[in-house]
Amino acid sequence: MMTQNQPKLLVVDDMPINVSLMEEMVKNEYQIFSAYNGADAIKIASNNKPDLILLDIIMPEMDGYEVCQTIKNNSLTKDIPIIFITAKDHIEDESFGLKMGAIDYITKPFNLSIVKQRIQNHISCQEHQKALQEVIECKQKQLIHCEKLSSMGTLMAGITHEVNNTMTYVLGNLRMIKKYNNKFSSFYSSTEKLIGNLDHHTDVNDIENSLQEFKELNESELKSGKVLAYSQESINDCIEGMDRITSILKNLKLFSHQDDETSQTPELCDINSCIDMSVKLVANELKYKSELVRDYSNNLPQINACELQLSQVFVNLLINACHAINKQGIISISTDFKDNNVIIQVSDNGCGIPEEMQERIFEPFFTTKSREIGSGLGLSISHDIIKMYQGNITINSIVGTGTTFTISFPIEKANID
């Protein structure tokens, strides 16, 4: 009886007796799928993702080589290991089969116990590869997050400075509002006193004194309504300042989010908005050393990707551009849509990168900075993130002139709002 936890085996042969023989041999260890022609084999492989395929070569209409090539050309099935089991026993046939992408080649007639052992060996190898891939992916996520935290460390001083400046501004306005509130309280008390005297038919002299006090307070303290306007301005400034802090903290929280399955789910995202979010994070880092020039296309298709991951790429490129400028310079960001590709360029007029170093710029742990400034992982991780979404990143740099990074994402179907 088959169980869901058993490895899946697809047996392909145009001779039913051969398929039955294989099924009988391994039915207790594997989930068995069978096909008697190439077309069915391709369909079953695509729908069921077997862990291993036993494939005959000599079949009508579509031979095993064609089936193997079709499976290997399909992104959904290309990693499924294939063993050819065939009567074609020439060394040239075996060599050709292995070149096609098969992992093994068994000639007929064969020993059942040997075939069974080879199947077990390849299945075991496949399971170990899957486990290793899971470990690699887990470590890669951790590495990406560590690099993200490293970027945050670089940004934190500037972000703290920006928040502190805004908080100082807000607190100053709150103190003014408190002062205005005291004036309003005095005015309110004076108004109550005047109304009370009128209600109780107080002596005319007392009423006149209260009215004079009311007028003097209005003229000296409230300045005929100006304090009310000043108070409203201060409140608006406080709201604006707190909105700025909220925006900074919101972007920081998004950027620092630990990558999980939810945060890595690709969605249609606006590249221009994603860049703007990244710019807000690095704004304080940039403003003392560079002028930022943005040139966005208004007719830009959306990208099916994870916005947080793309933001990490843009933050890294902007920080690198800033570090390349010694005193004052210009950093420019542009977006465009050409030849079914979304194009993003990040340029600076900084020190540039020597040609011999440009070939290694995307290698892990390679850096042109001192170890106190750079880990050598930023561009490598950015490169991997871009490749994850079938994109491409290139560098064009001239020493003493500046550097331009160009990112392109192919768009099969434009998603234009």
Protein backbone atom coordinates (compact mmCIF):
# COMPACT_ATOMS: atom_id res chain seq x y z
CA MET A 1 0.00 0.00 0.00
CA MET A 2 1.31 3.44 -0.95
CA THR A 3 1.64 6.17 1.65
CA GLN A 4 2.11 9.88 1.19
CA ASN A 5 5.49 9.79 2.94
CA GLN A 6 6.99 7.30 0.50
CA PRO A 7 9.26 8.61 -2.28
CA LYS A 8 7.55 8.87 -5.66
CA LEU A 9 8.85 6.81 -8.59
CA LEU A 10 7.76 7.22 -12.23
CA VAL A 11 8.33 4.20 -14.49
CA VAL A 12 8.17 4.88 -18.25
CA ASP A 13 8.24 2.03 -20.79
CA ASP A 14 6.11 1.19 -23.82
CA MET A 15 6.18 -2.50 -22.79
CA PRO A 16 3.59 -3.10 -20.02
CA ILE A 17 5.43 -6.21 -18.85
CA ASN A 18 8.54 -4.16 -18.12
CA VAL A 19 6.50 -1.60 -16.17
CA SER A 20 4.81 -4.38 -14.18
CA LEU A 21 8.18 -5.93 -13.41
CA MET A 22 9.50 -2.66 -12.01
CA GLU A 23 6.33 -2.00 -10.05
CA GLU A 24 6.45 -5.44 -8.45
CA MET A 25 10.08 -4.99 -7.51
CA VAL A 26 9.68 -1.69 -5.61
CA LYS A 27 5.96 -1.43 -4.78
CA ASN A 28 6.53 -1.70 -1.01
CA GLU A 29 9.09 1.11 -0.84
CA TYR A 30 7.75 3.75 -3.25
CA GLN A 31 4.64 5.42 -4.61
CA ILE A 32 4.55 4.14 -8.19
CA PHE A 33 3.38 6.10 -11.22
CA SER A 34 3.52 4.49 -14.65
CA ALA A 35 3.44 5.73 -18.24
CA TYR A 36 3.58 3.81 -21.53
CA ASN A 37 4.52 6.72 -23.81
CA GLY A 38 6.48 9.97 -23.73
CA ALA A 39 3.53 12.37 -23.69
CA ASP A 40 1.96 10.72 -20.63
CA ALA A 41 5.34 10.61 -18.90
CA ILE A 42 5.81 14.37 -19.31
CA LYS A 43 2.30 15.07 -18.04
CA ILE A 44 2.67 12.81 -14.98
CA ALA A 45 6.10 14.27 -14.18
CA SER A 46 4.69 17.80 -14.28
CA ASN A 47 1.60 17.01 -12.19
CA ASN A 48 3.13 14.71 -9.56
CA LYS A 49 6.81 15.76 -9.27
CA PRO A 50 8.29 12.28 -8.76
CA ASP A 51 11.53 11.91 -6.83
CA LEU A 52 13.01 9.71 -9.57
CA ILE A 53 12.15 8.67 -13.15
CA LEU A 54 13.04 5.30 -14.71
CA LEU A 55 12.91 6.01 -18.44
CA ASP A 56 13.10 3.68 -21.42
CA ILE A 57 14.74 5.11 -24.55
CA ILE A 58 13.27 3.09 -27.41
CA MET A 59 9.62 4.14 -27.58
CA PRO A 60 7.32 5.05 -30.52
CA GLU A 61 6.42 8.66 -31.40
CA MET A 62 8.62 10.19 -28.70
CA ASP A 63 11.76 8.39 -27.58
CA GLY A 64 13.35 8.61 -24.12
CA TYR A 65 15.91 11.19 -25.20
CA GLU A 66 13.12 13.58 -26.29
CA VAL A 67 11.22 12.96 -23.05
CA CYS A 68 14.36 13.65 -21.02
CA GLN A 69 15.08 16.86 -22.91
CA THR A 70 11.50 18.11 -22.48
CA ILE A 71 11.56 17.38 -18.75
CA LYS A 72 14.94 19.09 -18.32
CA ASN A 73 13.78 22.16 -20.25
CA ASN A 74 10.77 22.62 -17.96
CA SER A 75 11.52 24.73 -14.87
CA LEU A 76 8.97 22.71 -12.88
CA THR A 77 10.58 19.32 -13.62
CA LYS A 78 14.20 20.07 -14.55
CA ASP A 79 15.59 18.94 -11.18
CA ILE A 80 13.92 15.50 -11.21
CA PRO A 81 16.69 12.85 -11.56
CA ILE A 82 16.33 10.42 -14.50
CA ILE A 83 17.74 6.91 -14.92
CA PHE A 84 17.72 5.49 -18.43
CA ILE A 85 16.89 1.77 -18.56
CA THR A 86 17.32 0.56 -22.13
CA ALA A 87 18.46 -2.11 -24.53
CA LYS A 88 20.74 0.45 -26.24
CA ASP A 89 24.05 -0.77 -24.88
CA HIS A 90 26.65 1.06 -26.97
CA ILE A 91 29.03 3.30 -25.08
CA GLU A 92 28.02 6.19 -27.35
CA ASP A 93 24.38 5.75 -26.30
CA GLU A 94 25.29 5.82 -22.62
CA SER A 95 27.48 8.88 -23.09
CA PHE A 96 24.71 10.68 -24.98
CA GLY A 97 22.15 9.79 -22.32
CA LEU A 98 24.31 11.18 -19.54
CA LYS A 99 24.94 14.35 -21.54
CA MET A 100 21.18 14.76 -21.84
CA GLY A 101 21.07 15.12 -18.06
CA ALA A 102 20.41 11.57 -16.83
CA ILE A 103 22.12 10.59 -13.56
CA ASP A 104 22.49 6.90 -14.46
CA TYR A 105 22.28 4.52 -17.42
CA ILE A 106 21.28 0.86 -17.01
CA THR A 107 21.29 -1.55 -19.94
CA LYS A 108 18.95 -4.48 -20.48
CA PRO A 109 18.94 -7.28 -19.52
CA PHE A 110 19.63 -6.19 -15.94
CA ASN A 111 19.87 -7.66 -12.49
CA LEU A 112 16.78 -6.69 -10.45
CA SER A 113 18.62 -6.45 -7.14
CA ILE A 114 21.26 -4.17 -8.66
CA VAL A 115 18.61 -1.92 -10.21
CA LYS A 116 16.74 -1.78 -6.90
CA GLN A 117 19.93 -0.81 -5.07
CA ARG A 118 20.71 1.91 -7.59
CA ILE A 119 17.22 3.32 -7.19
CA GLN A 120 17.63 3.35 -3.42
CA ASN A 121 21.03 5.02 -3.71
CA HIS A 122 19.73 7.78 -5.98
CA ILE A 123 16.62 8.35 -3.87
CA SER A 124 18.79 8.56 -0.75
CA CYS A 125 21.10 11.00 -2.51
CA GLN A 126 18.10 13.09 -3.57
CA GLU A 127 16.79 13.19 -0.01
CA HIS A 128 20.19 14.29 1.29
CA GLN A 129 20.34 17.00 -1.37
CA LYS A 130 16.91 18.28 -0.36
CA ALA A 131 17.93 18.36 3.30
CA LEU A 132 21.15 20.16 2.41
CA GLN A 133 19.24 22.65 0.26
CA GLU A 134 16.90 23.39 3.16
CA VAL A 135 19.91 24.05 5.41
CA ILE A 136 21.45 26.30 2.75
CA GLU A 137 18.22 28.24 2.31
CA CYS A 138 17.87 28.64 6.07
CA LYS A 139 21.45 29.89 6.40
CA GLN A 140 20.96 32.20 3.42
CA LYS A 141 17.89 33.75 5.10
CA GLN A 142 19.93 34.26 8.26
CA LEU A 143 22.77 35.80 6.25
CA ILE A 144 20.39 38.16 4.45
CA HIS A 145 18.87 39.22 7.76
CA CYS A 146 22.31 39.75 9.32
CA GLU A 147 23.30 41.95 6.40
CA LYS A 148 20.03 43.83 6.79
CA LEU A 149 20.84 44.42 10.47
CA SER A 150 24.32 45.56 9.44
CA SER A 151 22.74 48.12 7.10
CA MET A 152 20.47 49.20 9.94
CA GLY A 153 23.51 49.72 12.14
CA THR A 154 24.94 52.05 9.50
CA LEU A 155 21.67 53.95 9.27
CA MET A 156 20.82 54.03 12.96
CA ALA A 157 22.95 57.03 13.90
CA GLY A 158 21.32 59.13 11.18
CA ILE A 159 17.82 57.87 11.99
CA THR A 160 18.34 58.58 15.71
CA HIS A 161 19.58 62.08 14.88
CA GLU A 162 16.55 62.70 12.66
CA VAL A 163 14.11 61.44 15.31
CA ASN A 164 15.83 63.45 18.08
CA ASN A 165 15.74 66.65 16.01
CA THR A 166 12.07 66.16 15.25
CA MET A 167 11.26 65.33 18.88
CA THR A 168 13.09 68.48 20.05
CA TYR A 169 11.04 70.50 17.56
CA VAL A 170 7.79 68.86 18.70
CA LEU A 171 8.59 69.38 22.40
CA GLY A 172 9.35 73.06 21.75
CA ASN A 173 5.98 73.47 20.11
CA LEU A 174 4.23 71.60 22.93
CA ARG A 175 5.78 74.02 25.47
CA MET A 176 4.46 76.94 23.41
CA ILE A 177 1.02 75.31 23.29
CA LYS A 178 1.13 74.94 27.09
CA LYS A 179 1.96 78.64 27.39
CA TYR A 180 -0.90 79.52 25.03
CA ASN A 181 -3.20 77.26 27.02
CA ASN A 182 -2.38 79.20 30.21
CA LYS A 183 -3.35 82.40 28.41
CA PHE A 184 -6.61 80.83 27.30
CA SER A 185 -7.25 79.68 30.90
CA SER A 186 -6.80 83.24 32.19
CA PHE A 187 -9.05 84.55 29.44
CA TYR A 188 -11.66 81.90 30.25
CA SER A 189 -11.56 82.79 33.99
CA SER A 190 -11.93 86.49 33.17
CA THR A 191 -14.87 85.71 30.89
CA GLU A 192 -16.57 83.63 33.60
CA LYS A 193 -16.07 86.45 36.15
CA LEU A 194 -17.59 89.01 33.80
CA ILE A 195 -20.59 86.80 32.99
CA GLY A 196 -21.05 86.01 36.69
CA ASN A 197 -21.16 89.71 37.59
CA LEU A 198 -23.73 90.35 34.88
CA ASP A 199 -25.91 87.41 35.97
CA HIS A 200 -25.93 88.49 39.61
CA HIS A 201 -26.61 92.18 38.89
CA THR A 202 -23.33 93.17 40.49
CA ASP A 203 -22.53 96.79 41.15
CA VAL A 204 -21.93 98.73 37.93
CA ASN A 205 -18.42 99.66 39.01
CA ASP A 206 -17.53 95.98 39.52
CA ILE A 207 -18.91 95.13 36.11
CA GLU A 208 -16.93 97.97 34.51
CA ASN A 209 -13.77 96.79 36.29
CA SER A 210 -14.35 93.20 35.07
CA LEU A 211 -14.98 94.44 31.55
CA GLN A 212 -11.80 96.52 31.60
CA GLU A 213 -9.82 93.55 32.91
CA PHE A 214 -11.35 91.41 30.13
CA LYS A 215 -10.32 93.95 27.46
CA GLU A 216 -6.79 94.32 28.80
CA LEU A 217 -6.33 90.56 28.95
CA ASN A 218 -7.53 90.17 25.40
CA GLU A 219 -5.21 92.89 24.16
CA SER A 220 -2.12 91.94 26.16
CA GLU A 221 -2.36 88.17 26.41
CA LEU A 222 -4.42 86.93 23.48
CA LYS A 223 -3.45 89.80 21.14
CA SER A 224 -6.88 89.95 19.56
CA GLY A 225 -6.95 86.35 18.38
CA LYS A 226 -3.32 86.00 17.23
CA VAL A 227 -2.48 83.54 20.02
CA LEU A 228 -5.26 81.27 18.76
CA ALA A 229 -3.67 81.26 15.30
CA TYR A 230 -0.21 80.66 16.78
CA SER A 231 -1.57 77.81 18.85
CA GLN A 232 -3.13 76.19 15.77
CA GLU A 233 0.15 76.53 13.87
CA SER A 234 2.03 74.88 16.73
CA ILE A 235 -0.47 72.00 16.83
CA ASN A 236 -0.11 71.51 13.07
CA ASP A 237 3.68 71.52 13.39
CA CYS A 238 3.48 68.89 16.14
CA ILE A 239 1.26 66.68 13.99
CA GLU A 240 3.63 67.06 11.04
CA GLY A 241 6.62 66.21 13.22
CA MET A 242 4.97 63.14 14.72
CA ASP A 243 3.89 62.01 11.24
CA ARG A 244 7.52 62.26 10.18
CA ILE A 245 8.67 60.15 13.13
CA THR A 246 5.87 57.63 12.51
CA SER A 247 6.93 57.34 8.87
CA ILE A 248 10.58 56.79 9.81
CA LEU A 249 9.73 54.14 12.40
CA LYS A 250 7.23 52.43 10.09
CA ASN A 251 9.80 52.13 7.29
CA LEU A 252 12.43 50.99 9.77
CA LYS A 253 10.09 48.32 11.15
CA LEU A 254 9.26 47.09 7.65
CA PHE A 255 12.90 47.02 6.63
CA SER A 256 14.05 45.20 9.77
CA HIS A 257 11.26 42.58 9.60
CA GLN A 258 12.64 39.06 10.03
CA ASP A 259 12.18 37.30 6.70
CA ASP A 260 9.56 34.56 6.92
CA GLU A 261 7.29 32.88 4.40
CA THR A 262 4.78 35.72 4.58
CA SER A 263 7.30 38.54 4.19
CA GLN A 264 8.95 36.75 1.27
CA THR A 265 5.75 36.13 -0.68
CA PRO A 266 6.11 37.89 -4.06
CA GLU A 267 3.43 40.47 -4.79
CA LEU A 268 2.96 43.15 -7.39
CA CYS A 269 4.93 46.11 -6.08
CA ASP A 270 5.55 49.63 -7.30
CA ILE A 271 9.28 50.12 -7.88
CA ASN A 272 9.07 53.91 -7.50
CA SER A 273 7.33 53.60 -4.12
CA CYS A 274 9.82 50.95 -3.02
CA ILE A 275 12.72 53.26 -3.88
CA ASP A 276 11.06 56.13 -2.01
CA MET A 277 10.73 53.96 1.11
CA SER A 278 14.43 53.12 0.86
CA VAL A 279 15.36 56.77 0.39
CA LYS A 280 13.48 57.71 3.57
CA LEU A 281 15.57 55.20 5.49
CA VAL A 282 18.89 56.54 4.20
CA ALA A 283 17.86 60.20 3.95
CA ASN A 284 19.91 61.36 6.93
CA GLU A 285 22.91 59.37 5.70
CA LEU A 286 22.74 61.09 2.32
CA LYS A 287 21.81 64.68 3.08
CA TYR A 288 25.16 65.73 4.56
CA LYS A 289 27.23 64.38 1.66
CA SER A 290 25.12 64.44 -1.46
CA GLU A 291 22.33 65.93 -3.47
CA LEU A 292 19.75 63.29 -4.39
CA VAL A 293 18.24 63.50 -7.85
CA ARG A 294 15.24 61.32 -8.70
CA ASP A 295 13.97 60.75 -12.24
CA TYR A 296 11.07 58.30 -12.24
CA SER A 297 9.08 56.98 -15.17
CA ASN A 298 5.33 57.51 -14.74
CA ASN A 299 4.53 54.56 -16.98
CA LEU A 300 6.31 51.84 -15.03
CA PRO A 301 4.90 48.29 -14.81
CA GLN A 302 4.75 46.69 -11.38
CA ILE A 303 7.22 43.97 -10.46
CA ASN A 304 6.16 40.62 -9.03
CA ALA A 305 8.60 40.49 -6.13
CA CYS A 306 8.99 40.96 -2.38
CA GLU A 307 9.10 44.70 -1.65
CA LEU A 308 11.18 44.23 1.51
CA GLN A 309 13.87 42.35 -0.39
CA LEU A 310 14.00 44.94 -3.17
CA SER A 311 14.20 47.67 -0.53
CA GLN A 312 17.26 45.94 0.90
CA VAL A 313 18.87 46.13 -2.55
CA PHE A 314 18.16 49.85 -2.96
CA VAL A 315 19.28 50.70 0.59
CA ASN A 316 22.55 48.89 -0.03
CA LEU A 317 23.19 50.66 -3.34
CA LEU A 318 22.40 54.07 -1.84
CA ILE A 319 24.69 53.48 1.14
CA ASN A 320 27.48 52.36 -1.20
CA ALA A 321 26.97 55.48 -3.34
CA CYS A 322 27.17 57.65 -0.24
CA HIS A 323 30.38 55.94 0.93
CA ALA A 324 31.93 56.48 -2.52
CA ILE A 325 31.60 60.27 -2.14
CA ASN A 326 34.37 61.88 -0.13
CA LYS A 327 32.88 65.31 0.63
CA GLN A 328 29.97 66.52 -1.48
CA GLY A 329 28.51 64.90 -4.56
CA ILE A 330 25.42 63.87 -6.50
CA ILE A 331 23.51 60.60 -6.29
CA SER A 332 20.87 59.99 -8.93
CA ILE A 333 18.17 57.35 -9.18
CA SER A 334 16.19 56.76 -12.35
CA THR A 335 13.54 54.29 -13.47
CA ASP A 336 12.40 53.48 -16.99
CA PHE A 337 10.62 50.83 -19.06
CA LYS A 338 12.45 49.74 -22.21
CA ASP A 339 12.22 46.62 -24.39
CA ASN A 340 9.90 44.87 -21.92
CA ASN A 341 12.33 45.50 -19.05
CA VAL A 342 11.97 47.68 -15.99
CA ILE A 343 15.27 49.53 -15.67
CA ILE A 344 16.59 51.05 -12.43
CA GLN A 345 19.86 52.99 -12.31
CA VAL A 346 21.66 54.21 -9.20
CA SER A 347 24.59 56.52 -10.00
CA ASP A 348 27.11 58.57 -8.05
CA ASN A 349 29.99 60.88 -8.97
CA GLY A 350 32.24 59.43 -6.29
CA CYS A 351 35.66 57.83 -6.35
CA GLY A 352 34.79 54.96 -8.73
CA ILE A 353 35.95 51.33 -8.68
CA PRO A 354 39.11 50.04 -10.44
CA GLU A 355 38.38 47.83 -13.44
CA GLU A 356 40.17 44.83 -11.99
CA MET A 357 37.91 44.95 -8.92
CA GLN A 358 34.64 45.27 -10.87
CA GLU A 359 34.78 41.62 -11.93
CA ARG A 360 34.67 40.54 -8.28
CA ILE A 361 32.28 43.16 -6.94
CA PHE A 362 29.39 40.68 -6.51
CA GLU A 363 31.48 37.97 -4.86
CA PRO A 364 30.62 37.17 -1.22
CA PHE A 365 32.89 38.93 1.30
CA PHE A 366 34.69 40.95 -1.39
CA THR A 367 34.69 44.65 -0.55
CA THR A 368 36.53 47.80 -1.60
CA LYS A 369 35.85 49.31 1.84
CA SER A 370 37.62 48.81 5.11
CA ARG A 371 36.27 45.96 7.27
CA GLU A 372 35.06 48.53 9.79
CA ILE A 373 32.67 49.92 7.15
CA GLY A 374 31.70 46.98 4.94
CA SER A 375 31.19 43.24 5.38
CA GLY A 376 31.48 42.42 1.68
CA LEU A 377 28.04 40.80 1.65
CA GLY A 378 25.79 43.68 0.61
CA LEU A 379 26.31 43.53 -3.15
CA SER A 380 26.49 39.73 -3.17
CA ILE A 381 23.12 39.46 -1.41
CA SER A 382 21.66 42.20 -3.62
CA HIS A 383 22.83 40.24 -6.68
CA ASP A 384 21.16 37.06 -5.38
CA ILE A 385 17.89 38.86 -4.60
CA ILE A 386 17.75 40.35 -8.09
CA LYS A 387 18.52 36.97 -9.69
CA MET A 388 15.74 35.43 -7.59
CA TYR A 389 13.27 37.50 -9.61
CA GLN A 390 14.95 36.76 -12.97
CA GLY A 391 16.57 40.19 -12.94
CA ASN A 392 20.08 41.31 -13.78
CA ILE A 393 22.49 43.83 -12.26
CA THR A 394 25.57 45.32 -13.93
CA ILE A 395 28.18 47.87 -12.97
CA ASN A 396 29.83 50.63 -14.97
CA SER A 397 32.50 52.53 -13.08
CA ILE A 398 35.38 54.88 -13.89
CA VAL A 399 37.96 55.77 -11.24
CA GLY A 400 37.65 59.45 -10.34
CA THR A 401 34.37 59.85 -12.25
CA GLY A 402 31.79 57.67 -10.55
CA THR A 403 29.78 54.46 -10.61
CA THR A 404 26.45 53.38 -12.05
CA PHE A 405 24.60 50.22 -11.09
CA THR A 406 21.93 49.16 -13.59
CA ILE A 407 19.18 46.73 -12.59
CA SER A 408 16.75 45.24 -15.09
CA PHE A 409 13.68 43.09 -14.54
CA PRO A 410 12.02 41.38 -17.51
CA ILE A 411 8.27 41.88 -17.74
CA GLU A 412 6.25 39.24 -19.55
CA LYS A 413 3.00 41.14 -19.11
CA ALA A 414 3.06 44.79 -18.15
CA ASN A 415 1.08 45.65 -15.01
CA ILE A 416 0.52 49.33 -15.57
CA ASP A 417 -1.97 51.16 -13.37
